[in-house]
Amino acid sequence: MDRIKYISFSEVSDACVFKADNNQIILAIFVDDGLIAADNEDIIDKLLTNLEKEFEVKKGNVEYFLGMQVKIMENGSLFVHQTNYASSIINKFNMLDAKELSIPIDKSHTFEQKEDTEILSEDIPYRQAVGSLLFLSQVTRPDIAYAVNFASRYLSKPTKAH
């Protein structure tokens, strides 16, 4: 990261996000993945020329970054989503026939686990499903965070109701 600071970038809110002094360019880095957002192509080209002196760089328009789909809109803004990831969760956990809801869970919903309630088999990957949804909720779907939190309360003894 010192090499990045050397070419006039400083850290902002996160140790892997850098901004140039002129505030016209942002560089996000995670391990060996990087993303550049800037006002114009010339600024990006100059940065890439500097980065190529220190790093191996692969150029191109971003479509995926760290598990997120990225779409460049007509006005130049970025639209970040995880449609493919969400679809893969539905397929992976055989939820294609699940009932679609307008809201993930009603906040007034309570679930009392009765002593005689049958616990799900260890073969059913409840924890894996909740973990997949947790990633989705943290990255692009904060609207499902409450429901995922609710489901995570039953990781040790999930039932069909969950």
C-alpha atoms as a PDB file:
ATOM      1  CA  MET A   1       0.000   0.000   0.000  1.00  0.00           C
ATOM      2  CA  ASP A   2       2.981   2.297   0.435  1.00  0.00           C
ATOM      3  CA  ARG A   3       3.521   2.133  -3.318  1.00  0.00           C
ATOM      4  CA  ILE A   4      -0.003   3.468  -3.858  1.00  0.00           C
ATOM      5  CA  LYS A   5       0.595   6.351  -1.472  1.00  0.00           C
ATOM      6  CA  TYR A   6       3.824   7.083  -3.357  1.00  0.00           C
ATOM      7  CA  ILE A   7       1.852   8.027  -6.470  1.00  0.00           C
ATOM      8  CA  SER A   8      -0.145  10.744  -4.656  1.00  0.00           C
ATOM      9  CA  PHE A   9      -2.997   8.711  -3.201  1.00  0.00           C
ATOM     10  CA  SER A  10      -4.207   8.788   0.367  1.00  0.00           C
ATOM     11  CA  GLU A  11      -6.423   6.348   2.267  1.00  0.00           C
ATOM     12  CA  VAL A  12     -10.050   7.211   2.840  1.00  0.00           C
ATOM     13  CA  SER A  13     -12.604   5.473   5.103  1.00  0.00           C
ATOM     14  CA  ASP A  14     -11.117   2.041   4.374  1.00  0.00           C
ATOM     15  CA  ALA A  15      -7.529   0.822   4.280  1.00  0.00           C
ATOM     16  CA  CYS A  16      -8.061  -0.408   0.707  1.00  0.00           C
ATOM     17  CA  VAL A  17      -9.747   2.664  -0.791  1.00  0.00           C
ATOM     18  CA  PHE A  18      -7.595   5.540  -1.969  1.00  0.00           C
ATOM     19  CA  LYS A  19      -8.380   8.970  -3.324  1.00  0.00           C
ATOM     20  CA  ALA A  20      -6.072  11.317  -5.205  1.00  0.00           C
ATOM     21  CA  ASP A  21      -5.498  14.819  -3.907  1.00  0.00           C
ATOM     22  CA  ASN A  22      -7.492  16.317  -6.773  1.00  0.00           C
ATOM     23  CA  ASN A  23     -10.563  14.221  -5.766  1.00  0.00           C
ATOM     24  CA  GLN A  24     -11.201  13.216  -9.386  1.00  0.00           C
ATOM     25  CA  ILE A  25     -10.173   9.588  -9.048  1.00  0.00           C
ATOM     26  CA  ILE A  26     -10.802   6.738  -6.613  1.00  0.00           C
ATOM     27  CA  LEU A  27      -8.828   3.500  -6.457  1.00  0.00           C
ATOM     28  CA  ALA A  28     -10.178   0.467  -4.593  1.00  0.00           C
ATOM     29  CA  ILE A  29      -7.848  -2.482  -3.988  1.00  0.00           C
ATOM     30  CA  PHE A  30      -8.453  -5.856  -2.364  1.00  0.00           C
ATOM     31  CA  VAL A  31      -5.561  -8.335  -2.485  1.00  0.00           C
ATOM     32  CA  ASP A  32      -4.937  -8.554  -6.244  1.00  0.00           C
ATOM     33  CA  ASP A  33      -8.175  -6.975  -7.492  1.00  0.00           C
ATOM     34  CA  GLY A  34      -8.452  -3.275  -8.172  1.00  0.00           C
ATOM     35  CA  LEU A  35     -11.056  -0.859  -9.437  1.00  0.00           C
ATOM     36  CA  ILE A  36     -10.549   2.685 -10.685  1.00  0.00           C
ATOM     37  CA  ALA A  37     -13.341   5.266 -10.901  1.00  0.00           C
ATOM     38  CA  ALA A  38     -12.574   8.666 -12.421  1.00  0.00           C
ATOM     39  CA  ASP A  39     -14.071  11.661 -14.180  1.00  0.00           C
ATOM     40  CA  ASN A  40     -12.404  10.876 -17.512  1.00  0.00           C
ATOM     41  CA  GLU A  41     -10.322   8.324 -19.398  1.00  0.00           C
ATOM     42  CA  ASP A  42      -7.156  10.476 -19.461  1.00  0.00           C
ATOM     43  CA  ILE A  43      -6.918  10.418 -15.678  1.00  0.00           C
ATOM     44  CA  ILE A  44      -7.375   6.634 -15.664  1.00  0.00           C
ATOM     45  CA  ASP A  45      -4.725   6.174 -18.378  1.00  0.00           C
ATOM     46  CA  LYS A  46      -2.195   8.257 -16.418  1.00  0.00           C
ATOM     47  CA  LEU A  47      -2.853   6.254 -13.266  1.00  0.00           C
ATOM     48  CA  LEU A  48      -2.568   2.948 -15.116  1.00  0.00           C
ATOM     49  CA  THR A  49       0.757   4.044 -16.615  1.00  0.00           C
ATOM     50  CA  ASN A  50       2.065   4.686 -13.093  1.00  0.00           C
ATOM     51  CA  LEU A  51       0.606   1.467 -11.707  1.00  0.00           C
ATOM     52  CA  GLU A  52       2.144  -0.592 -14.526  1.00  0.00           C
ATOM     53  CA  LYS A  53       5.581   0.502 -13.330  1.00  0.00           C
ATOM     54  CA  GLU A  54       4.961  -1.261 -10.015  1.00  0.00           C
ATOM     55  CA  PHE A  55       2.279  -3.902 -10.662  1.00  0.00           C
ATOM     56  CA  GLU A  56       0.930  -6.273 -13.291  1.00  0.00           C
ATOM     57  CA  VAL A  57      -2.222  -4.552 -14.552  1.00  0.00           C
ATOM     58  CA  LYS A  58      -5.123  -5.962 -16.560  1.00  0.00           C
ATOM     59  CA  LYS A  59      -7.143  -3.243 -18.282  1.00  0.00           C
ATOM     60  CA  GLY A  60     -10.810  -3.377 -19.202  1.00  0.00           C
ATOM     61  CA  ASN A  61     -14.269  -2.252 -18.279  1.00  0.00           C
ATOM     62  CA  VAL A  62     -15.486  -3.724 -15.021  1.00  0.00           C
ATOM     63  CA  GLU A  63     -18.305  -6.250 -15.089  1.00  0.00           C
ATOM     64  CA  TYR A  64     -17.561  -8.087 -11.828  1.00  0.00           C
ATOM     65  CA  PHE A  65     -15.644  -6.888  -8.772  1.00  0.00           C
ATOM     66  CA  LEU A  66     -15.336  -8.884  -5.536  1.00  0.00           C
ATOM     67  CA  GLY A  67     -18.518 -10.864  -6.132  1.00  0.00           C
ATOM     68  CA  MET A  68     -20.492  -7.839  -7.264  1.00  0.00           C
ATOM     69  CA  GLN A  69     -21.814  -7.128 -10.728  1.00  0.00           C
ATOM     70  CA  VAL A  70     -21.020  -3.602 -11.858  1.00  0.00           C
ATOM     71  CA  LYS A  71     -22.866  -1.761 -14.607  1.00  0.00           C
ATOM     72  CA  ILE A  72     -21.738   1.601 -15.933  1.00  0.00           C
ATOM     73  CA  MET A  73     -24.835   3.729 -16.448  1.00  0.00           C
ATOM     74  CA  GLU A  74     -25.320   6.254 -19.270  1.00  0.00           C
ATOM     75  CA  ASN A  75     -24.707   9.165 -16.891  1.00  0.00           C
ATOM     76  CA  GLY A  76     -21.359   7.627 -15.850  1.00  0.00           C
ATOM     77  CA  SER A  77     -22.489   6.406 -12.447  1.00  0.00           C
ATOM     78  CA  LEU A  78     -21.939   2.830 -11.316  1.00  0.00           C
ATOM     79  CA  PHE A  79     -24.810   0.468 -10.525  1.00  0.00           C
ATOM     80  CA  VAL A  80     -23.674  -2.356  -8.235  1.00  0.00           C
ATOM     81  CA  HIS A  81     -25.823  -5.453  -7.817  1.00  0.00           C
ATOM     82  CA  GLN A  82     -25.618  -9.199  -7.183  1.00  0.00           C
ATOM     83  CA  THR A  83     -28.387 -10.554  -9.365  1.00  0.00           C
ATOM     84  CA  ASN A  84     -26.341 -13.552 -10.518  1.00  0.00           C
ATOM     85  CA  TYR A  85     -25.236 -14.347  -6.960  1.00  0.00           C
ATOM     86  CA  ALA A  86     -28.820 -14.139  -5.671  1.00  0.00           C
ATOM     87  CA  SER A  87     -29.972 -16.445  -8.477  1.00  0.00           C
ATOM     88  CA  SER A  88     -27.188 -18.896  -7.655  1.00  0.00           C
ATOM     89  CA  ILE A  89     -28.353 -18.990  -4.014  1.00  0.00           C
ATOM     90  CA  ILE A  90     -31.907 -19.769  -5.127  1.00  0.00           C
ATOM     91  CA  ASN A  91     -30.656 -22.570  -7.382  1.00  0.00           C
ATOM     92  CA  LYS A  92     -28.093 -23.955  -4.928  1.00  0.00           C
ATOM     93  CA  PHE A  93     -30.624 -24.348  -2.133  1.00  0.00           C
ATOM     94  CA  ASN A  94     -33.462 -25.575  -4.381  1.00  0.00           C
ATOM     95  CA  MET A  95     -35.714 -22.590  -3.718  1.00  0.00           C
ATOM     96  CA  LEU A  96     -37.013 -22.114  -7.284  1.00  0.00           C
ATOM     97  CA  ASP A  97     -40.554 -22.960  -6.163  1.00  0.00           C
ATOM     98  CA  ALA A  98     -40.433 -20.796  -3.023  1.00  0.00           C
ATOM     99  CA  LYS A  99     -43.174 -18.228  -2.561  1.00  0.00           C
ATOM    100  CA  GLU A 100     -42.009 -14.718  -3.435  1.00  0.00           C
ATOM    101  CA  LEU A 101     -42.696 -12.048  -0.804  1.00  0.00           C
ATOM    102  CA  SER A 102     -42.815  -8.268  -1.081  1.00  0.00           C
ATOM    103  CA  ILE A 103     -40.915  -7.960   2.214  1.00  0.00           C
ATOM    104  CA  PRO A 104     -38.433 -10.512   3.575  1.00  0.00           C
ATOM    105  CA  ILE A 105     -40.043 -10.747   7.038  1.00  0.00           C
ATOM    106  CA  ASP A 106     -42.522  -8.763   9.072  1.00  0.00           C
ATOM    107  CA  LYS A 107     -40.641  -7.164  11.980  1.00  0.00           C
ATOM    108  CA  SER A 108     -43.450  -8.134  14.332  1.00  0.00           C
ATOM    109  CA  HIS A 109     -42.989 -11.821  13.422  1.00  0.00           C
ATOM    110  CA  THR A 110     -42.086 -14.085  16.312  1.00  0.00           C
ATOM    111  CA  PHE A 111     -41.222 -17.733  16.225  1.00  0.00           C
ATOM    112  CA  GLU A 112     -41.433 -19.853  19.304  1.00  0.00           C
ATOM    113  CA  GLN A 113     -39.558 -23.091  18.962  1.00  0.00           C
ATOM    114  CA  LYS A 114     -41.581 -25.815  20.629  1.00  0.00           C
ATOM    115  CA  GLU A 115     -39.782 -28.651  22.347  1.00  0.00           C
ATOM    116  CA  ASP A 116     -41.329 -31.264  20.060  1.00  0.00           C
ATOM    117  CA  THR A 117     -40.467 -29.388  16.846  1.00  0.00           C
ATOM    118  CA  GLU A 118     -38.425 -31.525  14.479  1.00  0.00           C
ATOM    119  CA  ILE A 119     -34.902 -30.186  13.949  1.00  0.00           C
ATOM    120  CA  LEU A 120     -33.659 -30.144  10.354  1.00  0.00           C
ATOM    121  CA  SER A 121     -31.339 -32.912   9.274  1.00  0.00           C
ATOM    122  CA  GLU A 122     -27.605 -32.165   9.262  1.00  0.00           C
ATOM    123  CA  ASP A 123     -27.786 -32.874   5.517  1.00  0.00           C
ATOM    124  CA  ILE A 124     -29.762 -29.673   4.968  1.00  0.00           C
ATOM    125  CA  PRO A 125     -27.223 -26.829   4.622  1.00  0.00           C
ATOM    126  CA  TYR A 126     -29.104 -24.254   6.724  1.00  0.00           C
ATOM    127  CA  ARG A 127     -25.926 -22.561   7.980  1.00  0.00           C
ATOM    128  CA  GLN A 128     -24.521 -22.337   4.476  1.00  0.00           C
ATOM    129  CA  ALA A 129     -27.765 -20.794   3.207  1.00  0.00           C
ATOM    130  CA  VAL A 130     -27.817 -18.204   5.996  1.00  0.00           C
ATOM    131  CA  GLY A 131     -24.139 -17.402   5.361  1.00  0.00           C
ATOM    132  CA  SER A 132     -24.826 -16.890   1.659  1.00  0.00           C
ATOM    133  CA  LEU A 133     -27.710 -14.563   2.478  1.00  0.00           C
ATOM    134  CA  LEU A 134     -25.560 -12.721   5.016  1.00  0.00           C
ATOM    135  CA  PHE A 135     -22.996 -11.897   2.317  1.00  0.00           C
ATOM    136  CA  LEU A 136     -25.785 -10.701   0.030  1.00  0.00           C
ATOM    137  CA  SER A 137     -27.305  -8.537   2.787  1.00  0.00           C
ATOM    138  CA  GLN A 138     -23.985  -6.910   3.640  1.00  0.00           C
ATOM    139  CA  VAL A 139     -23.006  -6.055   0.083  1.00  0.00           C
ATOM    140  CA  THR A 140     -26.064  -5.066  -1.951  1.00  0.00           C
ATOM    141  CA  ARG A 141     -29.255  -6.104  -0.165  1.00  0.00           C
ATOM    142  CA  PRO A 142     -29.509  -4.361   3.214  1.00  0.00           C
ATOM    143  CA  ASP A 143     -33.292  -4.758   2.937  1.00  0.00           C
ATOM    144  CA  ILE A 144     -32.959  -8.453   3.855  1.00  0.00           C
ATOM    145  CA  ALA A 145     -30.597  -7.864   6.811  1.00  0.00           C
ATOM    146  CA  TYR A 146     -33.321  -8.145   9.471  1.00  0.00           C
ATOM    147  CA  ALA A 147     -34.633 -11.416   8.025  1.00  0.00           C
ATOM    148  CA  VAL A 148     -31.106 -12.857   7.779  1.00  0.00           C
ATOM    149  CA  ASN A 149     -30.428 -11.813  11.372  1.00  0.00           C
ATOM    150  CA  PHE A 150     -33.661 -13.501  12.424  1.00  0.00           C
ATOM    151  CA  ALA A 151     -32.738 -16.710  10.564  1.00  0.00           C
ATOM    152  CA  SER A 152     -29.254 -16.693  12.090  1.00  0.00           C
ATOM    153  CA  ARG A 153     -30.756 -16.998  15.574  1.00  0.00           C
ATOM    154  CA  TYR A 154     -31.619 -20.600  14.739  1.00  0.00           C
ATOM    155  CA  LEU A 155     -28.280 -21.774  13.327  1.00  0.00           C
ATOM    156  CA  SER A 156     -27.813 -24.382  16.037  1.00  0.00           C
ATOM    157  CA  LYS A 157     -31.324 -25.913  15.822  1.00  0.00           C
ATOM    158  CA  PRO A 158     -33.105 -24.928  12.612  1.00  0.00           C
ATOM    159  CA  THR A 159     -36.527 -26.386  11.816  1.00  0.00           C
ATOM    160  CA  LYS A 160     -38.646 -26.452   8.654  1.00  0.00           C
ATOM    161  CA  ALA A 161     -40.349 -23.266   9.811  1.00  0.00           C
ATOM    162  CA  HIS A 162     -37.091 -21.396   9.417  1.00  0.00           C
END
